[in-house]
Amino acid sequence: MDEYLSIDLNCDLGESFGRYSLGEDAAMMALITSANVACGFHAGDPDVMARTVDLAKEHDVSLGAHPGFPDLQGFGRRNMQMTSQEALANIILYQIGALGAFAWMAGKKVKYVKPHGALYNQAAQDPEFALVIAQTMRNYDPGLILVGLAGSELTRMGSEAGLEVVNEAFPDRAYLPDGQLMPRYRHGAMITEPEEVARNAVRLVKEGITIDGEWFCVETLCLHGDNPEAVENAKAVRLALEAEGIRIEPFA
């Protein structure tokens, strides 16, 4: 048994447009250990991707691809039915490759993949959908780590495909009884009070999460960058974790 508890803190970043419109990404980058970078389909563009990679290098933060559905208008939060497995595989491959090019130019490496929004939620529930994502990652680079919702079909199929998987939880989101995230359109889905987010973070690290009677260890916590209290949440979470003697370090 490990003599100490540790946790990774990740955040979805690079979700703006234009070279100088990075919002609070720089402030968040200083508080996290892993950055999920938008790859241009749900948000981001080449200039933002390049700058976000530079920020990750500056702060020594692990770099992950954050592929989404090709849905700029809906910010990748609307379900889409791919006409074939090949179509789904190709949008995943395209986005990982795009970020990989910017990472290579900066002397960094894409270490993991975490799907975005509706793509993430759909893969969490649909094993065939999840398997295509996992197989595409393995075929591109079997060393890539797959980040998914703890106890989901995405992490299960990732393991079956031979990938290293990391269980994720969300201290700033409400959960449904079946372990799925509460849809954003429902009241109370987003938790914005920093103290409550911090309490949830400590609880998730210490207790893990139980779904249908099965317990899962939480290995990374997502702090949403589009939360209006994102920076304050991240600061509160770090302080609370450190006060409990929990180390904050990247999983990759």
Foldseek 3Di string as FASTA:
>chain_A
DDPAAAAFEEEEFQFEDDQPPRDCLLLVLLLGAEYAYEQPQLGHDLNSLLVSLVSCVVNVHAYAYAFAHNCPPVSRQDDDDDPDLVRLLVSLLVRLVRSQVSQVVVVHGHAEYEYDHNLQQVLQEDLVSLLSNLLSCCVVPLRYEYEHAPPGSNQVSNVVSPHHYAHEDELQADADLQRHQDDPVDPPGGHQDLLSSLVSLVCCQVQPDAGPRDGDHHHYYYQYPPRPNRSSNSVSNVVSCVVVVYHHHDPD
